[in-house]
Amino acid sequence: MFSSDAEQWAKDTFLHTDLGDNRRTLRLVKLASSLANNLGQSLVQSLKSPADIEAAYRFTRNQAIDAQAIAEAGFAATAEYQRL
């Protein structure tokens, strides 16, 4: 279900994404939440610390991250929302 709370929305949408490692999935949720809380801002502007920025860059450069898996999680969340 979708929520007006960005953190809850990110969890609802991406928490079950299979990225091969739960830490990657948790990073995705954190990134999505930060971006949703800061609409219109860049990735760097939406993150609070240099460590979070570096983690985001590592996430986006990581070849083990499957963009298709992220998209499918979003599609599945949308389909679930449509059923409600």
PDB file of N, CA and C in Angstrom:
ATOM      1  N   MET A   1       0.848  -1.170   0.000  1.00  0.00           N
ATOM      2  CA  MET A   1       0.000   0.000   0.000  1.00  0.00           C
ATOM      3  C   MET A   1       0.897   1.237   0.000  1.00  0.00           C
ATOM      4  N   PHE A   2       0.465   2.288  -0.695  1.00  0.00           N
ATOM      5  CA  PHE A   2       1.233   3.521  -0.745  1.00  0.00           C
ATOM      6  C   PHE A   2       0.890   4.397   0.447  1.00  0.00           C
ATOM      7  N   SER A   3       1.832   5.222   0.821  1.00  0.00           N
ATOM      8  CA  SER A   3       1.679   6.053   2.000  1.00  0.00           C
ATOM      9  C   SER A   3       2.203   7.447   1.699  1.00  0.00           C
ATOM     10  N   SER A   4       1.709   8.432   2.418  1.00  0.00           N
ATOM     11  CA  SER A   4       2.235   9.780   2.262  1.00  0.00           C
ATOM     12  C   SER A   4       3.573   9.930   2.986  1.00  0.00           C
ATOM     13  N   ASP A   5       3.884   9.007   3.864  1.00  0.00           N
ATOM     14  CA  ASP A   5       5.160   8.994   4.566  1.00  0.00           C
ATOM     15  C   ASP A   5       6.208   8.359   3.650  1.00  0.00           C
ATOM     16  N   ALA A   6       7.242   9.120   3.309  1.00  0.00           N
ATOM     17  CA  ALA A   6       8.233   8.663   2.330  1.00  0.00           C
ATOM     18  C   ALA A   6       8.943   7.387   2.774  1.00  0.00           C
ATOM     19  N   GLU A   7       9.281   7.293   4.043  1.00  0.00           N
ATOM     20  CA  GLU A   7       9.976   6.099   4.520  1.00  0.00           C
ATOM     21  C   GLU A   7       9.084   4.861   4.394  1.00  0.00           C
ATOM     22  N   GLN A   8       7.825   5.001   4.776  1.00  0.00           N
ATOM     23  CA  GLN A   8       6.911   3.867   4.665  1.00  0.00           C
ATOM     24  C   GLN A   8       6.673   3.501   3.206  1.00  0.00           C
ATOM     25  N   TRP A   9       6.528   4.526   2.349  1.00  0.00           N
ATOM     26  CA  TRP A   9       6.352   4.265   0.923  1.00  0.00           C
ATOM     27  C   TRP A   9       7.540   3.481   0.368  1.00  0.00           C
ATOM     28  N   ALA A  10       8.755   3.914   0.728  1.00  0.00           N
ATOM     29  CA  ALA A  10       9.953   3.232   0.228  1.00  0.00           C
ATOM     30  C   ALA A  10       9.998   1.782   0.705  1.00  0.00           C
ATOM     31  N   LYS A  11       9.631   1.553   1.960  1.00  0.00           N
ATOM     32  CA  LYS A  11       9.592   0.174   2.470  1.00  0.00           C
ATOM     33  C   LYS A  11       8.539  -0.646   1.739  1.00  0.00           C
ATOM     34  N   ASP A  12       7.343  -0.079   1.593  1.00  0.00           N
ATOM     35  CA  ASP A  12       6.261  -0.786   0.916  1.00  0.00           C
ATOM     36  C   ASP A  12       6.627  -1.131  -0.519  1.00  0.00           C
ATOM     37  N   THR A  13       7.362  -0.253  -1.158  1.00  0.00           N
ATOM     38  CA  THR A  13       7.690  -0.425  -2.567  1.00  0.00           C
ATOM     39  C   THR A  13       8.906  -1.309  -2.794  1.00  0.00           C
ATOM     40  N   PHE A  14       9.942  -1.155  -1.998  1.00  0.00           N
ATOM     41  CA  PHE A  14      11.228  -1.781  -2.321  1.00  0.00           C
ATOM     42  C   PHE A  14      11.765  -2.791  -1.314  1.00  0.00           C
ATOM     43  N   LEU A  15      11.120  -2.984  -0.176  1.00  0.00           N
ATOM     44  CA  LEU A  15      11.693  -3.853   0.853  1.00  0.00           C
ATOM     45  C   LEU A  15      11.842  -5.306   0.419  1.00  0.00           C
ATOM     46  N   HIS A  16      11.064  -5.738  -0.551  1.00  0.00           N
ATOM     47  CA  HIS A  16      11.151  -7.130  -0.988  1.00  0.00           C
ATOM     48  C   HIS A  16      11.921  -7.290  -2.299  1.00  0.00           C
ATOM     49  N   THR A  17      12.665  -6.259  -2.687  1.00  0.00           N
ATOM     50  CA  THR A  17      13.476  -6.326  -3.896  1.00  0.00           C
ATOM     51  C   THR A  17      14.617  -7.308  -3.673  1.00  0.00           C
ATOM     52  N   ASP A  18      14.815  -8.203  -4.631  1.00  0.00           N
ATOM     53  CA  ASP A  18      15.898  -9.181  -4.529  1.00  0.00           C
ATOM     54  C   ASP A  18      17.133  -8.633  -5.237  1.00  0.00           C
ATOM     55  N   LEU A  19      18.047  -8.092  -4.446  1.00  0.00           N
ATOM     56  CA  LEU A  19      19.298  -7.574  -4.986  1.00  0.00           C
ATOM     57  C   LEU A  19      20.477  -8.456  -4.601  1.00  0.00           C
ATOM     58  N   GLY A  20      20.187  -9.660  -4.132  1.00  0.00           N
ATOM     59  CA  GLY A  20      21.239 -10.613  -3.817  1.00  0.00           C
ATOM     60  C   GLY A  20      21.839 -10.465  -2.431  1.00  0.00           C
ATOM     61  N   ASP A  21      21.562  -9.374  -1.767  1.00  0.00           N
ATOM     62  CA  ASP A  21      22.103  -9.117  -0.429  1.00  0.00           C
ATOM     63  C   ASP A  21      21.142  -8.148   0.256  1.00  0.00           C
ATOM     64  N   ASN A  22      20.694  -8.496   1.436  1.00  0.00           N
ATOM     65  CA  ASN A  22      19.722  -7.670   2.155  1.00  0.00           C
ATOM     66  C   ASN A  22      20.239  -6.254   2.407  1.00  0.00           C
ATOM     67  N   ARG A  23      21.553  -6.100   2.558  1.00  0.00           N
ATOM     68  CA  ARG A  23      22.107  -4.757   2.791  1.00  0.00           C
ATOM     69  C   ARG A  23      21.886  -3.861   1.577  1.00  0.00           C
ATOM     70  N   ARG A  24      21.940  -4.432   0.382  1.00  0.00           N
ATOM     71  CA  ARG A  24      21.666  -3.646  -0.828  1.00  0.00           C
ATOM     72  C   ARG A  24      20.209  -3.203  -0.844  1.00  0.00           C
ATOM     73  N   THR A  25      19.333  -4.111  -0.463  1.00  0.00           N
ATOM     74  CA  THR A  25      17.902  -3.780  -0.435  1.00  0.00           C
ATOM     75  C   THR A  25      17.639  -2.676   0.577  1.00  0.00           C
ATOM     76  N   LEU A  26      18.253  -2.763   1.744  1.00  0.00           N
ATOM     77  CA  LEU A  26      18.069  -1.716   2.755  1.00  0.00           C
ATOM     78  C   LEU A  26      18.629  -0.378   2.283  1.00  0.00           C
ATOM     79  N   ARG A  27      19.736  -0.416   1.550  1.00  0.00           N
ATOM     80  CA  ARG A  27      20.298   0.820   0.985  1.00  0.00           C
ATOM     81  C   ARG A  27      19.332   1.411  -0.039  1.00  0.00           C
ATOM     82  N   LEU A  28      18.730   0.564  -0.872  1.00  0.00           N
ATOM     83  CA  LEU A  28      17.747   1.029  -1.847  1.00  0.00           C
ATOM     84  C   LEU A  28      16.579   1.722  -1.145  1.00  0.00           C
ATOM     85  N   VAL A  29      16.076   1.123  -0.084  1.00  0.00           N
ATOM     86  CA  VAL A  29      14.962   1.717   0.667  1.00  0.00           C
ATOM     87  C   VAL A  29      15.377   3.076   1.222  1.00  0.00           C
ATOM     88  N   LYS A  30      16.571   3.153   1.768  1.00  0.00           N
ATOM     89  CA  LYS A  30      17.054   4.410   2.336  1.00  0.00           C
ATOM     90  C   LYS A  30      17.199   5.479   1.247  1.00  0.00           C
ATOM     91  N   LEU A  31      17.752   5.102   0.109  1.00  0.00           N
ATOM     92  CA  LEU A  31      17.906   6.055  -0.990  1.00  0.00           C
ATOM     93  C   LEU A  31      16.557   6.533  -1.515  1.00  0.00           C
ATOM     94  N   ALA A  32      15.643   5.597  -1.720  1.00  0.00           N
ATOM     95  CA  ALA A  32      14.314   5.958  -2.228  1.00  0.00           C
ATOM     96  C   ALA A  32      13.600   6.883  -1.251  1.00  0.00           C
ATOM     97  N   SER A  33      13.731   6.615   0.022  1.00  0.00           N
ATOM     98  CA  SER A  33      13.101   7.455   1.043  1.00  0.00           C
ATOM     99  C   SER A  33      13.692   8.861   1.030  1.00  0.00           C
ATOM    100  N   SER A  34      15.003   8.953   0.952  1.00  0.00           N
ATOM    101  CA  SER A  34      15.661  10.265   0.924  1.00  0.00           C
ATOM    102  C   SER A  34      15.254  11.060  -0.304  1.00  0.00           C
ATOM    103  N   LEU A  35      15.216  10.390  -1.452  1.00  0.00           N
ATOM    104  CA  LEU A  35      14.811  11.082  -2.682  1.00  0.00           C
ATOM    105  C   LEU A  35      13.349  11.512  -2.614  1.00  0.00           C
ATOM    106  N   ALA A  36      12.495  10.667  -2.065  1.00  0.00           N
ATOM    107  CA  ALA A  36      11.076  11.008  -1.957  1.00  0.00           C
ATOM    108  C   ALA A  36      10.849  12.168  -0.980  1.00  0.00           C
ATOM    109  N   ASN A  37      11.671  12.258   0.043  1.00  0.00           N
ATOM    110  CA  ASN A  37      11.560  13.357   1.004  1.00  0.00           C
ATOM    111  C   ASN A  37      12.099  14.666   0.454  1.00  0.00           C
ATOM    112  N   ASN A  38      12.855  14.589  -0.633  1.00  0.00           N
ATOM    113  CA  ASN A  38      13.508  15.776  -1.190  1.00  0.00           C
ATOM    114  C   ASN A  38      13.254  15.870  -2.692  1.00  0.00           C
ATOM    115  N   LEU A  39      11.982  15.863  -3.065  1.00  0.00           N
ATOM    116  CA  LEU A  39      11.610  15.890  -4.476  1.00  0.00           C
ATOM    117  C   LEU A  39      12.241  17.077  -5.186  1.00  0.00           C
ATOM    118  N   GLY A  40      12.747  16.820  -6.379  1.00  0.00           N
ATOM    119  CA  GLY A  40      13.342  17.876  -7.187  1.00  0.00           C
ATOM    120  C   GLY A  40      14.801  18.138  -6.896  1.00  0.00           C
ATOM    121  N   GLN A  41      15.336  17.485  -5.872  1.00  0.00           N
ATOM    122  CA  GLN A  41      16.743  17.675  -5.544  1.00  0.00           C
ATOM    123  C   GLN A  41      17.565  16.520  -6.094  1.00  0.00           C
ATOM    124  N   SER A  42      18.834  16.793  -6.281  1.00  0.00           N
ATOM    125  CA  SER A  42      19.738  15.750  -6.758  1.00  0.00           C
ATOM    126  C   SER A  42      19.984  14.733  -5.649  1.00  0.00           C
ATOM    127  N   LEU A  43      20.590  13.636  -6.020  1.00  0.00           N
ATOM    128  CA  LEU A  43      20.946  12.612  -5.042  1.00  0.00           C
ATOM    129  C   LEU A  43      21.824  13.209  -3.946  1.00  0.00           C
ATOM    130  N   VAL A  44      22.814  13.996  -4.325  1.00  0.00           N
ATOM    131  CA  VAL A  44      23.721  14.616  -3.345  1.00  0.00           C
ATOM    132  C   VAL A  44      22.965  15.573  -2.429  1.00  0.00           C
ATOM    133  N   GLN A  45      22.077  16.365  -2.990  1.00  0.00           N
ATOM    134  CA  GLN A  45      21.321  17.327  -2.183  1.00  0.00           C
ATOM    135  C   GLN A  45      20.344  16.638  -1.236  1.00  0.00           C
ATOM    136  N   SER A  46      19.882  15.464  -1.612  1.00  0.00           N
ATOM    137  CA  SER A  46      18.875  14.793  -0.791  1.00  0.00           C
ATOM    138  C   SER A  46      19.478  13.995   0.360  1.00  0.00           C
ATOM    139  N   LEU A  47      20.776  13.779   0.346  1.00  0.00           N
ATOM    140  CA  LEU A  47      21.433  13.016   1.413  1.00  0.00           C
ATOM    141  C   LEU A  47      22.103  13.958   2.394  1.00  0.00           C
ATOM    142  N   LYS A  48      22.230  13.517   3.633  1.00  0.00           N
ATOM    143  CA  LYS A  48      22.664  14.402   4.702  1.00  0.00           C
ATOM    144  C   LYS A  48      24.156  14.366   4.995  1.00  0.00           C
ATOM    145  N   SER A  49      24.798  13.245   4.782  1.00  0.00           N
ATOM    146  CA  SER A  49      26.202  13.148   5.192  1.00  0.00           C
ATOM    147  C   SER A  49      27.080  12.685   4.032  1.00  0.00           C
ATOM    148  N   PRO A  50      28.365  13.015   4.101  1.00  0.00           N
ATOM    149  CA  PRO A  50      29.298  12.522   3.081  1.00  0.00           C
ATOM    150  C   PRO A  50      29.315  10.988   3.006  1.00  0.00           C
ATOM    151  N   ALA A  51      29.137  10.328   4.139  1.00  0.00           N
ATOM    152  CA  ALA A  51      29.110   8.859   4.141  1.00  0.00           C
ATOM    153  C   ALA A  51      27.898   8.334   3.371  1.00  0.00           C
ATOM    154  N   ASP A  52      26.743   8.977   3.546  1.00  0.00           N
ATOM    155  CA  ASP A  52      25.545   8.572   2.805  1.00  0.00           C
ATOM    156  C   ASP A  52      25.713   8.834   1.310  1.00  0.00           C
ATOM    157  N   ILE A  53      26.349   9.932   0.967  1.00  0.00           N
ATOM    158  CA  ILE A  53      26.592  10.246  -0.438  1.00  0.00           C
ATOM    159  C   ILE A  53      27.508   9.201  -1.063  1.00  0.00           C
ATOM    160  N   GLU A  54      28.595   8.865  -0.377  1.00  0.00           N
ATOM    161  CA  GLU A  54      29.516   7.841  -0.895  1.00  0.00           C
ATOM    162  C   GLU A  54      28.814   6.488  -1.017  1.00  0.00           C
ATOM    163  N   ALA A  55      27.995   6.140  -0.035  1.00  0.00           N
ATOM    164  CA  ALA A  55      27.248   4.876  -0.105  1.00  0.00           C
ATOM    165  C   ALA A  55      26.294   4.868  -1.299  1.00  0.00           C
ATOM    166  N   ALA A  56      25.676   5.990  -1.572  1.00  0.00           N
ATOM    167  CA  ALA A  56      24.765   6.084  -2.721  1.00  0.00           C
ATOM    168  C   ALA A  56      25.530   5.918  -4.027  1.00  0.00           C
ATOM    169  N   TYR A  57      26.693   6.550  -4.132  1.00  0.00           N
ATOM    170  CA  TYR A  57      27.498   6.396  -5.345  1.00  0.00           C
ATOM    171  C   TYR A  57      27.964   4.950  -5.509  1.00  0.00           C
ATOM    172  N   ARG A  58      28.364   4.332  -4.412  1.00  0.00           N
ATOM    173  CA  ARG A  58      28.772   2.914  -4.497  1.00  0.00           C
ATOM    174  C   ARG A  58      27.602   2.046  -4.946  1.00  0.00           C
ATOM    175  N   PHE A  59      26.423   2.344  -4.428  1.00  0.00           N
ATOM    176  CA  PHE A  59      25.230   1.589  -4.800  1.00  0.00           C
ATOM    177  C   PHE A  59      24.971   1.718  -6.303  1.00  0.00           C
ATOM    178  N   THR A  60      25.021   2.946  -6.811  1.00  0.00           N
ATOM    179  CA  THR A  60      24.705   3.155  -8.223  1.00  0.00           C
ATOM    180  C   THR A  60      25.777   2.596  -9.154  1.00  0.00           C
ATOM    181  N   ARG A  61      27.018   2.504  -8.676  1.00  0.00           N
ATOM    182  CA  ARG A  61      28.099   1.941  -9.500  1.00  0.00           C
ATOM    183  C   ARG A  61      28.210   0.431  -9.395  1.00  0.00           C
ATOM    184  N   ASN A  62      27.550  -0.164  -8.430  1.00  0.00           N
ATOM    185  CA  ASN A  62      27.679  -1.594  -8.157  1.00  0.00           C
ATOM    186  C   ASN A  62      27.051  -2.405  -9.292  1.00  0.00           C
ATOM    187  N   GLN A  63      27.857  -3.164  -9.989  1.00  0.00           N
ATOM    188  CA  GLN A  63      27.360  -3.952 -11.113  1.00  0.00           C
ATOM    189  C   GLN A  63      26.489  -5.117 -10.671  1.00  0.00           C
ATOM    190  N   ALA A  64      26.507  -5.444  -9.390  1.00  0.00           N
ATOM    191  CA  ALA A  64      25.650  -6.516  -8.877  1.00  0.00           C
ATOM    192  C   ALA A  64      24.212  -6.046  -8.669  1.00  0.00           C
ATOM    193  N   ILE A  65      23.982  -4.736  -8.733  1.00  0.00           N
ATOM    194  CA  ILE A  65      22.639  -4.189  -8.582  1.00  0.00           C
ATOM    195  C   ILE A  65      21.900  -4.404  -9.902  1.00  0.00           C
ATOM    196  N   ASP A  66      20.770  -5.060  -9.824  1.00  0.00           N
ATOM    197  CA  ASP A  66      19.966  -5.354 -11.007  1.00  0.00           C
ATOM    198  C   ASP A  66      18.837  -4.328 -11.121  1.00  0.00           C
ATOM    199  N   ALA A  67      18.981  -3.422 -12.084  1.00  0.00           N
ATOM    200  CA  ALA A  67      17.964  -2.384 -12.284  1.00  0.00           C
ATOM    201  C   ALA A  67      16.602  -2.996 -12.584  1.00  0.00           C
ATOM    202  N   GLN A  68      16.586  -4.117 -13.270  1.00  0.00           N
ATOM    203  CA  GLN A  68      15.328  -4.793 -13.592  1.00  0.00           C
ATOM    204  C   GLN A  68      14.614  -5.246 -12.318  1.00  0.00           C
ATOM    205  N   ALA A  69      15.371  -5.733 -11.334  1.00  0.00           N
ATOM    206  CA  ALA A  69      14.782  -6.163 -10.060  1.00  0.00           C
ATOM    207  C   ALA A  69      14.152  -4.972  -9.332  1.00  0.00           C
ATOM    208  N   ILE A  70      14.797  -3.819  -9.409  1.00  0.00           N
ATOM    209  CA  ILE A  70      14.248  -2.619  -8.782  1.00  0.00           C
ATOM    210  C   ILE A  70      12.954  -2.215  -9.487  1.00  0.00           C
ATOM    211  N   ALA A  71      12.985  -2.222 -10.811  1.00  0.00           N
ATOM    212  CA  ALA A  71      11.786  -1.869 -11.576  1.00  0.00           C
ATOM    213  C   ALA A  71      10.645  -2.834 -11.283  1.00  0.00           C
ATOM    214  N   GLU A  72      10.949  -4.121 -11.240  1.00  0.00           N
ATOM    215  CA  GLU A  72       9.913  -5.119 -10.979  1.00  0.00           C
ATOM    216  C   GLU A  72       9.291  -4.943  -9.599  1.00  0.00           C
ATOM    217  N   ALA A  73      10.104  -4.549  -8.616  1.00  0.00           N
ATOM    218  CA  ALA A  73       9.561  -4.293  -7.278  1.00  0.00           C
ATOM    219  C   ALA A  73       8.572  -3.128  -7.332  1.00  0.00           C
ATOM    220  N   GLY A  74       8.922  -2.088  -8.088  1.00  0.00           N
ATOM    221  CA  GLY A  74       8.010  -0.962  -8.244  1.00  0.00           C
ATOM    222  C   GLY A  74       6.730  -1.360  -8.968  1.00  0.00           C
ATOM    223  N   PHE A  75       6.872  -2.195 -10.010  1.00  0.00           N
ATOM    224  CA  PHE A  75       5.692  -2.671 -10.734  1.00  0.00           C
ATOM    225  C   PHE A  75       4.788  -3.496  -9.825  1.00  0.00           C
ATOM    226  N   ALA A  76       5.405  -4.380  -9.039  1.00  0.00           N
ATOM    227  CA  ALA A  76       4.629  -5.240  -8.136  1.00  0.00           C
ATOM    228  C   ALA A  76       3.897  -4.407  -7.083  1.00  0.00           C
ATOM    229  N   ALA A  77       4.561  -3.383  -6.545  1.00  0.00           N
ATOM    230  CA  ALA A  77       3.921  -2.515  -5.551  1.00  0.00           C
ATOM    231  C   ALA A  77       2.750  -1.762  -6.177  1.00  0.00           C
ATOM    232  N   THR A  78       2.919  -1.317  -7.419  1.00  0.00           N
ATOM    233  CA  THR A  78       1.847  -0.615  -8.112  1.00  0.00           C
ATOM    234  C   THR A  78       0.666  -1.560  -8.360  1.00  0.00           C
ATOM    235  N   ALA A  79       0.969  -2.768  -8.793  1.00  0.00           N
ATOM    236  CA  ALA A  79      -0.094  -3.745  -9.041  1.00  0.00           C
ATOM    237  C   ALA A  79      -0.846  -4.069  -7.745  1.00  0.00           C
ATOM    238  N   GLU A  80      -0.107  -4.189  -6.652  1.00  0.00           N
ATOM    239  CA  GLU A  80      -0.741  -4.467  -5.354  1.00  0.00           C
ATOM    240  C   GLU A  80      -1.650  -3.299  -4.964  1.00  0.00           C
ATOM    241  N   TYR A  81      -1.184  -2.086  -5.171  1.00  0.00           N
ATOM    242  CA  TYR A  81      -1.973  -0.898  -4.861  1.00  0.00           C
ATOM    243  C   TYR A  81      -3.252  -0.877  -5.695  1.00  0.00           C
ATOM    244  N   GLN A  82      -3.142  -1.275  -6.963  1.00  0.00           N
ATOM    245  CA  GLN A  82      -4.300  -1.287  -7.852  1.00  0.00           C
ATOM    246  C   GLN A  82      -5.355  -2.301  -7.387  1.00  0.00           C
ATOM    247  N   ARG A  83      -4.915  -3.404  -6.777  1.00  0.00           N
ATOM    248  CA  ARG A  83      -5.859  -4.414  -6.299  1.00  0.00           C
ATOM    249  C   ARG A  83      -6.636  -3.961  -5.084  1.00  0.00           C
ATOM    250  N   LEU A  84      -6.082  -3.016  -4.338  1.00  0.00           N
ATOM    251  CA  LEU A  84      -6.734  -2.561  -3.096  1.00  0.00           C
ATOM    252  C   LEU A  84      -7.891  -1.710  -3.360  1.00  0.00           C
TER     253      LEU A  84
END
